[in-house]
Structure formats: structure tokens, C-alpha cells
Protein backbone atom coordinates (compact mmCIF):
# COMPACT_ATOMS: atom_id res chain seq x y z
CA MET A 1 -60.52 14.33 -67.73
CA PRO A 2 -61.94 16.25 -64.70
CA THR A 3 -64.66 18.77 -65.46
CA MET A 4 -64.92 20.27 -61.96
CA LEU A 5 -62.57 21.65 -59.30
CA TRP A 6 -63.39 21.75 -55.57
CA ASP A 7 -63.41 25.33 -54.22
CA VAL A 8 -62.30 25.05 -50.57
CA THR A 9 -63.47 28.59 -49.71
CA GLU A 10 -66.97 28.13 -51.11
CA SER A 11 -67.26 24.41 -50.25
CA LYS A 12 -68.67 23.83 -53.73
CA TYR A 13 -67.39 22.67 -57.08
CA ARG A 14 -66.48 25.08 -59.88
CA ASP A 15 -66.83 24.28 -63.55
CA LEU A 16 -63.27 24.09 -64.89
CA LYS A 17 -64.27 25.65 -68.20
CA THR A 18 -66.43 28.56 -67.01
CA GLY A 19 -65.30 29.00 -63.41
CA ALA A 20 -68.94 29.11 -62.29
CA LEU A 21 -69.99 27.57 -58.98
CA ILE A 22 -71.96 24.36 -59.46
CA LEU A 23 -75.08 24.32 -57.32
CA PRO A 24 -76.00 21.13 -55.47
CA PRO A 25 -78.58 18.88 -57.15
CA ILE A 26 -82.22 18.78 -56.12
CA PRO A 27 -82.62 16.22 -53.28
CA THR A 28 -83.84 12.81 -54.38
CA GLY A 29 -84.78 11.44 -50.96
CA ALA A 30 -82.40 8.48 -51.31
CA TRP A 31 -79.29 7.36 -49.40
CA ALA A 32 -76.60 4.74 -49.88
CA GLY A 33 -74.09 3.00 -47.65
CA ILE A 34 -71.25 0.55 -48.32
CA GLY A 35 -69.33 -1.15 -45.56
CA ASP A 36 -67.56 -4.06 -43.96
CA SER A 37 -68.61 -6.38 -41.12
CA THR A 38 -69.39 -3.49 -38.73
CA TRP A 39 -71.92 -2.29 -41.32
CA TYR A 40 -73.10 -5.76 -42.35
CA GLN A 41 -73.54 -6.75 -38.67
CA ASP A 42 -74.01 -10.48 -39.22
CA GLY A 43 -76.66 -9.78 -41.81
CA LEU A 44 -78.76 -7.54 -39.54
CA GLY A 45 -77.24 -4.19 -40.47
CA GLU A 46 -79.56 -3.38 -43.35
CA SER A 47 -82.79 -3.94 -41.42
CA ARG A 48 -81.45 -2.09 -38.38
CA ILE A 49 -80.33 0.94 -40.38
CA LYS A 50 -83.49 1.11 -42.49
CA THR A 51 -85.70 0.83 -39.39
CA LEU A 52 -83.98 3.81 -37.78
CA LEU A 53 -84.21 5.82 -40.98
CA THR A 54 -87.99 5.43 -41.22
CA ALA A 55 -88.17 8.00 -38.40
CA LYS A 56 -86.20 10.37 -40.64
CA GLY A 57 -88.66 10.09 -43.51
CA TYR A 58 -87.05 7.35 -45.60
CA ALA A 59 -88.98 4.39 -46.96
CA PRO A 60 -87.09 1.06 -47.16
CA GLU A 61 -86.78 1.40 -50.94
CA ASP A 62 -85.05 4.78 -50.51
CA GLY A 63 -81.91 3.09 -49.21
CA GLY A 64 -79.08 1.42 -51.11
CA PHE A 65 -77.29 -0.86 -48.67
CA TYR A 66 -74.28 -3.11 -49.20
CA GLY A 67 -72.19 -4.82 -46.56
CA ALA A 68 -69.83 -7.80 -46.52
CA ILE A 69 -67.61 -9.48 -43.96
CA GLY A 70 -63.96 -8.62 -44.49
CA LYS A 71 -64.72 -6.06 -47.20
CA ALA A 72 -61.75 -3.91 -48.23
CA ILE A 73 -61.62 -0.91 -50.54
CA PHE A 74 -58.82 -2.11 -52.79
CA THR A 75 -59.97 -5.62 -53.74
CA ALA A 76 -63.07 -7.70 -54.46
CA ASP A 77 -64.94 -9.01 -51.43
CA VAL A 78 -66.30 -12.46 -50.53
CA ASN A 79 -69.12 -11.92 -53.03
CA GLY A 80 -66.69 -10.99 -55.79
CA LYS A 81 -67.77 -7.34 -55.66
CA THR A 82 -65.51 -4.28 -55.73
CA VAL A 83 -66.43 -0.83 -54.39
CA PRO A 84 -66.95 0.57 -57.92
CA GLN A 85 -69.28 -2.35 -58.67
CA ASN A 86 -71.19 -1.66 -55.43
CA ILE A 87 -71.67 1.96 -56.45
CA SER A 88 -72.92 0.99 -59.90
CA ASP A 89 -75.25 -1.68 -58.49
CA ILE A 90 -76.77 0.69 -55.93
CA ARG A 91 -77.41 3.35 -58.55
CA ALA A 92 -79.10 0.77 -60.75
CA VAL A 93 -81.35 -0.46 -57.94
CA LEU A 94 -82.32 3.01 -56.69
CA GLY A 95 -82.78 4.49 -60.15
CA ARG A 96 -81.60 7.86 -58.84
CA GLU A 97 -78.53 9.44 -57.28
CA PRO A 98 -78.50 9.24 -53.47
CA ASP A 99 -78.41 12.51 -51.54
CA VAL A 100 -75.67 11.01 -49.38
CA TRP A 101 -73.14 8.21 -49.81
CA LEU A 102 -71.80 6.73 -46.57
CA PHE A 103 -68.65 4.60 -46.58
CA ASN A 104 -67.85 2.44 -43.55
CA LEU A 105 -64.63 1.01 -44.95
CA GLY A 106 -60.93 0.90 -44.13
CA ALA A 107 -60.55 -1.52 -41.23
CA ASN A 108 -59.51 -4.34 -43.56
CA GLY A 109 -56.65 -2.25 -44.84
CA SER A 110 -55.49 -0.52 -41.67
CA GLY A 111 -51.87 -1.54 -42.16
CA ARG A 112 -51.55 0.14 -45.54
CA THR A 113 -49.15 2.98 -46.31
CA GLU A 114 -50.24 6.60 -46.69
CA THR A 115 -49.88 6.33 -50.47
CA GLU A 116 -52.03 3.19 -50.51
CA VAL A 117 -54.71 4.70 -48.27
CA ARG A 118 -54.93 7.80 -50.44
CA ALA A 119 -55.28 5.58 -53.51
CA ASP A 120 -57.98 3.53 -51.74
CA ILE A 121 -60.04 6.64 -51.02
CA ASP A 122 -59.62 7.70 -54.64
CA ILE A 123 -61.08 4.38 -55.81
CA ALA A 124 -64.43 5.31 -54.27
CA PHE A 125 -64.43 8.97 -55.31
CA ASP A 126 -63.32 8.17 -58.86
CA ALA A 127 -66.12 5.60 -59.16
CA LEU A 128 -68.66 8.14 -57.91
CA GLY A 129 -67.65 10.56 -60.65
CA ASP A 130 -69.27 13.99 -60.75
CA LEU A 131 -72.82 12.96 -59.82
CA TRP A 132 -72.70 12.90 -56.03
CA SER A 133 -73.71 15.76 -53.73
CA ARG A 134 -72.52 14.49 -50.32
CA VAL A 135 -70.08 11.79 -49.17
CA VAL A 136 -69.49 10.82 -45.54
CA TRP A 137 -66.59 8.52 -44.67
CA VAL A 138 -66.61 6.83 -41.26
CA GLY A 139 -63.21 6.51 -39.62
CA LEU A 140 -61.94 3.55 -37.62
CA SER A 141 -62.25 2.84 -33.91
CA GLN A 142 -61.99 -0.07 -31.49
CA ALA A 143 -61.70 -0.83 -27.79
CA GLY A 144 -58.84 1.03 -26.15
CA GLY A 145 -55.57 -0.81 -25.64
CA VAL A 146 -56.02 -3.38 -28.39
CA SER A 147 -52.71 -4.17 -30.10
CA ASN A 148 -53.53 -2.61 -33.50
CA GLU A 149 -55.09 0.58 -32.10
CA ALA A 150 -52.16 2.72 -33.25
CA THR A 151 -52.42 1.26 -36.76
CA ARG A 152 -56.08 2.22 -36.99
CA LEU A 153 -55.40 5.73 -35.75
CA GLN A 154 -52.70 6.02 -38.39
CA TRP A 155 -55.19 4.94 -41.07
CA ASN A 156 -57.53 7.70 -39.89
CA SER A 157 -54.74 10.26 -40.13
CA TYR A 158 -54.03 9.19 -43.71
CA ALA A 159 -57.66 8.94 -44.82
CA ALA A 160 -59.17 12.09 -43.30
CA PRO A 161 -57.28 14.68 -45.38
CA ARG A 162 -57.80 12.68 -48.55
CA VAL A 163 -61.55 12.44 -47.99
CA THR A 164 -61.92 16.14 -47.22
CA GLY A 165 -59.56 17.00 -50.06
CA ARG A 166 -61.94 15.26 -52.43
CA GLY A 167 -64.87 17.26 -51.03
CA GLY A 168 -66.21 14.65 -48.63
CA GLU A 169 -66.79 14.64 -44.86
CA PHE A 170 -64.70 12.49 -42.51
CA PHE A 171 -66.50 11.30 -39.37
CA ASP A 172 -63.96 10.73 -36.59
CA TRP A 173 -65.54 7.60 -35.18
CA TYR A 174 -62.60 7.00 -32.83
CA THR A 175 -62.94 10.37 -31.09
CA TYR A 176 -66.71 9.95 -30.99
CA THR A 177 -66.57 6.56 -29.26
CA LYS A 178 -64.02 7.69 -26.70
CA THR A 179 -65.84 10.96 -25.99
CA VAL A 180 -69.26 9.38 -25.56
CA GLY A 181 -67.86 6.39 -23.70
CA ASP A 182 -67.85 2.97 -25.35
CA ALA A 183 -67.87 0.56 -22.40
CA GLY A 184 -69.77 -2.57 -23.40
CA TRP A 185 -69.67 -1.69 -27.10
CA TRP A 186 -66.93 -4.12 -28.12
CA GLN A 187 -66.63 -7.88 -28.35
CA ALA A 188 -63.65 -9.68 -26.81
CA ASP A 189 -61.50 -9.07 -29.89
CA GLY A 190 -61.86 -5.32 -29.32
CA VAL A 191 -62.72 -4.74 -32.98
CA HIS A 192 -66.17 -6.16 -33.65
CA MET A 193 -69.11 -4.74 -31.76
CA THR A 194 -71.71 -6.05 -29.33
CA THR A 195 -75.44 -5.59 -29.85
CA LEU A 196 -75.21 -2.46 -27.69
CA GLY A 197 -72.28 -1.21 -29.72
CA TYR A 198 -74.09 -1.68 -33.02
CA GLU A 199 -77.16 0.03 -31.59
CA GLN A 200 -75.10 3.09 -30.69
CA LYS A 201 -73.17 3.07 -33.95
CA ASN A 202 -76.34 2.82 -36.01
CA ILE A 203 -77.84 5.82 -34.21
CA ALA A 204 -74.71 7.85 -34.92
CA LEU A 205 -74.57 6.84 -38.59
CA THR A 206 -78.24 7.42 -39.31
CA ASP A 207 -77.90 10.84 -37.69
CA LEU A 208 -75.08 11.48 -40.19
CA ILE A 209 -77.31 10.42 -43.10
CA GLY A 210 -79.91 12.85 -41.85
CA THR A 211 -83.51 13.59 -42.75
CA ALA A 212 -84.93 12.59 -46.12
CA GLY A 213 -84.87 15.38 -48.67
CA ALA A 214 -82.99 17.78 -46.41
């Protein structure tokens, strides 16, 4: 049974029993990220992300990273791991609650219905429970004109209100890429990224994670 209710006006949780605002936890200096192939990046994603985050005050052991090719929210991945298992594993490895959870997931479910997408988002938030202080969900993007572009934009439109409704932040990666200009960022399939594309994405995502202890 829920013990807290998100107060939209205050942007904080309230205790359901007392009505009191729940203050954010003391920063732990840790972060966590779970994602698909555009996070895994052919096995190089973890080292790339952690290298960038050293400039923001994080040591390598401060990060909980998990990525897998073809990873979806609603089913086990190629390693037999589900999102709830990833969350539990990361908490066990870090030994503390991350200050921020980043989810780079959804592309391998971009044809799902609104009801299914909402349920997918809930899988992650339900697994996080009441312990988290900040969640950032990265939306979908790709090269313009690719056949499933509309499907990905639809996924974003379904996911964004569910993420924010659960108290998280939705990063509109599609608008970001098109505003900044993403020429040379995409491989021939228009979905996976080039080395340049990953470089730019990693800068954007580590900026979202922010400075250690902030």
C-alpha cells in the first residue's frame, strides 16, 4: 500500500498519514543508469559515461551501470535480467541509494499501446519504491525520416506524462537532437548512433546526472 502522495504544487512527496512534506534524502554521491543498446554502446558505454562523470566529482565506484542490447522494460533481456532485478542488483553493488536514477529505455517497445507504455513506466517506478530522490527518463529519438519515427514520437507522448505523473523528469531527447542538430549522429539504420552521436549523447546524459553530491 502506498505511504506517500506526490504533491504537484510543492514538487515533493507528502506522507499519506500525516500530510507532512517529505524532505529529500541527504545526497549519497552515487548515480545509476539502466538502458538498451544506445546506453550499452557495444560494451563501451560504461567506461565512456564514467570517464565523463569523473569531471563532475564521481569516482568509478560511485556509478551503477547496466546496459544490454535489445533491452525492453516489460521483459527479461539477453542476460535474463528484468528492470526490477537491475534496480536491486545496482543497489546491492553500490550499498547506498543513488542520488539519481537514469533510464534510457523504451525503444524496444515503441509500438506498444498507451496502456502498455504506462504500465511499462510503472514497472520501474514500482520497483524503485519510496527510496529514490530523483528519476530522469530519456525519451526516444532517431534520424529524421526513418519509417518508425512517428511510432517513437508516439511512445514519447505516452511516456512523458506517466513519468512526470510519478514524480520523475522526462528528457525530450527527440527535441534536443533536432534542436542541436544531429547530422552525423546516426548509423545507416537511423536508430543506432555513430561514435560522434554517442559522444554527444553521453555529454547530454552526464549533464543530466549532474555534479556529485549536488
